[in-house]
Amino acid sequence: MGIVIERKWRCESCDAIHDTEDSATDCCPPTVHEVFLCPKCGSACDDEEGAIDCCDTDRDDIVSTDDG
């Protein structure tokens, strides 16, 4: 089974990670940031490359980026 990089949203004010952009906006309006979770440790990264490189995930194992 391949690895999926999950897309989430982080509140600018409290740094909480949310499953949906609306949920993050409701928590800390008006600014939220899209983040991508490392598939191995779960750390929030600013982009897909950061999520892949965080724990040296094998790029051949990546099947897609989750559309949240």
C-alpha atoms as a PDB file:
ATOM      1  CA  MET A   1       0.000   0.000   0.000  1.00  0.00           C
ATOM      2  CA  GLY A   2       1.332   3.448  -0.920  1.00  0.00           C
ATOM      3  CA  ILE A   3       1.837   6.434   1.314  1.00  0.00           C
ATOM      4  CA  VAL A   4      -0.480   9.450   1.121  1.00  0.00           C
ATOM      5  CA  ILE A   5       0.709  12.901   2.223  1.00  0.00           C
ATOM      6  CA  GLU A   6      -2.185  14.436   4.175  1.00  0.00           C
ATOM      7  CA  ARG A   7      -3.168  18.056   3.582  1.00  0.00           C
ATOM      8  CA  LYS A   8      -4.367  19.948   6.685  1.00  0.00           C
ATOM      9  CA  TRP A   9      -4.755  23.580   7.780  1.00  0.00           C
ATOM     10  CA  ARG A  10      -2.949  25.348  10.631  1.00  0.00           C
ATOM     11  CA  CYS A  11      -4.314  28.357  12.504  1.00  0.00           C
ATOM     12  CA  GLU A  12      -1.981  31.326  12.461  1.00  0.00           C
ATOM     13  CA  SER A  13      -2.808  32.381  16.021  1.00  0.00           C
ATOM     14  CA  CYS A  14      -2.908  29.114  17.989  1.00  0.00           C
ATOM     15  CA  ASP A  15      -0.976  26.731  15.676  1.00  0.00           C
ATOM     16  CA  ALA A  16      -3.717  24.074  15.942  1.00  0.00           C
ATOM     17  CA  ILE A  17      -3.973  21.656  12.996  1.00  0.00           C
ATOM     18  CA  HIS A  18      -7.438  21.154  11.453  1.00  0.00           C
ATOM     19  CA  ASP A  19      -8.849  18.718   8.886  1.00  0.00           C
ATOM     20  CA  THR A  20     -10.647  21.434   6.922  1.00  0.00           C
ATOM     21  CA  GLU A  21      -9.933  25.029   6.001  1.00  0.00           C
ATOM     22  CA  ASP A  22     -13.358  26.065   7.339  1.00  0.00           C
ATOM     23  CA  SER A  23     -12.638  24.492  10.716  1.00  0.00           C
ATOM     24  CA  ALA A  24      -9.326  26.346  10.965  1.00  0.00           C
ATOM     25  CA  THR A  25     -10.924  29.631   9.885  1.00  0.00           C
ATOM     26  CA  ASP A  26     -13.681  29.205  12.499  1.00  0.00           C
ATOM     27  CA  CYS A  27     -11.033  28.608  15.175  1.00  0.00           C
ATOM     28  CA  CYS A  28      -8.738  31.550  14.397  1.00  0.00           C
ATOM     29  CA  PRO A  29     -10.086  33.900  11.724  1.00  0.00           C
ATOM     30  CA  PRO A  30      -9.048  35.309   9.387  1.00  0.00           C
ATOM     31  CA  THR A  31      -5.743  33.632   8.468  1.00  0.00           C
ATOM     32  CA  VAL A  32      -4.969  29.919   8.191  1.00  0.00           C
ATOM     33  CA  HIS A  33      -2.163  28.119   6.389  1.00  0.00           C
ATOM     34  CA  GLU A  34      -2.236  24.927   4.377  1.00  0.00           C
ATOM     35  CA  VAL A  35       0.259  22.354   5.704  1.00  0.00           C
ATOM     36  CA  PHE A  36       1.232  18.819   4.762  1.00  0.00           C
ATOM     37  CA  LEU A  37       1.815  16.095   7.361  1.00  0.00           C
ATOM     38  CA  CYS A  38       4.910  13.922   7.350  1.00  0.00           C
ATOM     39  CA  PRO A  39       3.574  10.394   6.808  1.00  0.00           C
ATOM     40  CA  LYS A  40       6.050   8.950   9.328  1.00  0.00           C
ATOM     41  CA  CYS A  41       6.067  11.327  12.316  1.00  0.00           C
ATOM     42  CA  GLY A  42       3.022  13.545  11.627  1.00  0.00           C
ATOM     43  CA  SER A  43       4.929  16.854  11.753  1.00  0.00           C
ATOM     44  CA  ALA A  44       3.227  19.711   9.908  1.00  0.00           C
ATOM     45  CA  CYS A  45       5.357  20.939   6.995  1.00  0.00           C
ATOM     46  CA  ASP A  46       4.857  23.980   4.783  1.00  0.00           C
ATOM     47  CA  ASP A  47       4.869  21.989   1.538  1.00  0.00           C
ATOM     48  CA  GLU A  48       4.730  18.451   0.141  1.00  0.00           C
ATOM     49  CA  GLU A  49       8.494  18.347  -0.343  1.00  0.00           C
ATOM     50  CA  GLY A  50       9.038  19.172   3.316  1.00  0.00           C
ATOM     51  CA  ALA A  51       6.633  16.406   4.366  1.00  0.00           C
ATOM     52  CA  ILE A  52       8.448  13.887   2.172  1.00  0.00           C
ATOM     53  CA  ASP A  53      11.923  15.000   3.280  1.00  0.00           C
ATOM     54  CA  CYS A  54      11.076  15.316   6.999  1.00  0.00           C
ATOM     55  CA  CYS A  55      11.765  11.637   7.787  1.00  0.00           C
ATOM     56  CA  ASP A  56      13.316  10.622   4.452  1.00  0.00           C
ATOM     57  CA  THR A  57      10.157   9.034   3.049  1.00  0.00           C
ATOM     58  CA  ASP A  58      10.905   7.014  -0.084  1.00  0.00           C
ATOM     59  CA  ARG A  59       9.389   8.998  -2.966  1.00  0.00           C
ATOM     60  CA  ASP A  60       8.531   5.742  -4.768  1.00  0.00           C
ATOM     61  CA  ASP A  61       6.124   4.914  -1.918  1.00  0.00           C
ATOM     62  CA  ILE A  62       4.102   8.154  -2.339  1.00  0.00           C
ATOM     63  CA  VAL A  63       0.842   7.477  -4.195  1.00  0.00           C
ATOM     64  CA  SER A  64      -0.825  10.874  -3.875  1.00  0.00           C
ATOM     65  CA  THR A  65      -1.475  13.931  -1.801  1.00  0.00           C
ATOM     66  CA  ASP A  66      -4.713  13.746   0.161  1.00  0.00           C
ATOM     67  CA  ASP A  67      -7.138  16.425  -1.005  1.00  0.00           C
ATOM     68  CA  GLY A  68      -8.328  16.932   2.561  1.00  0.00           C
END
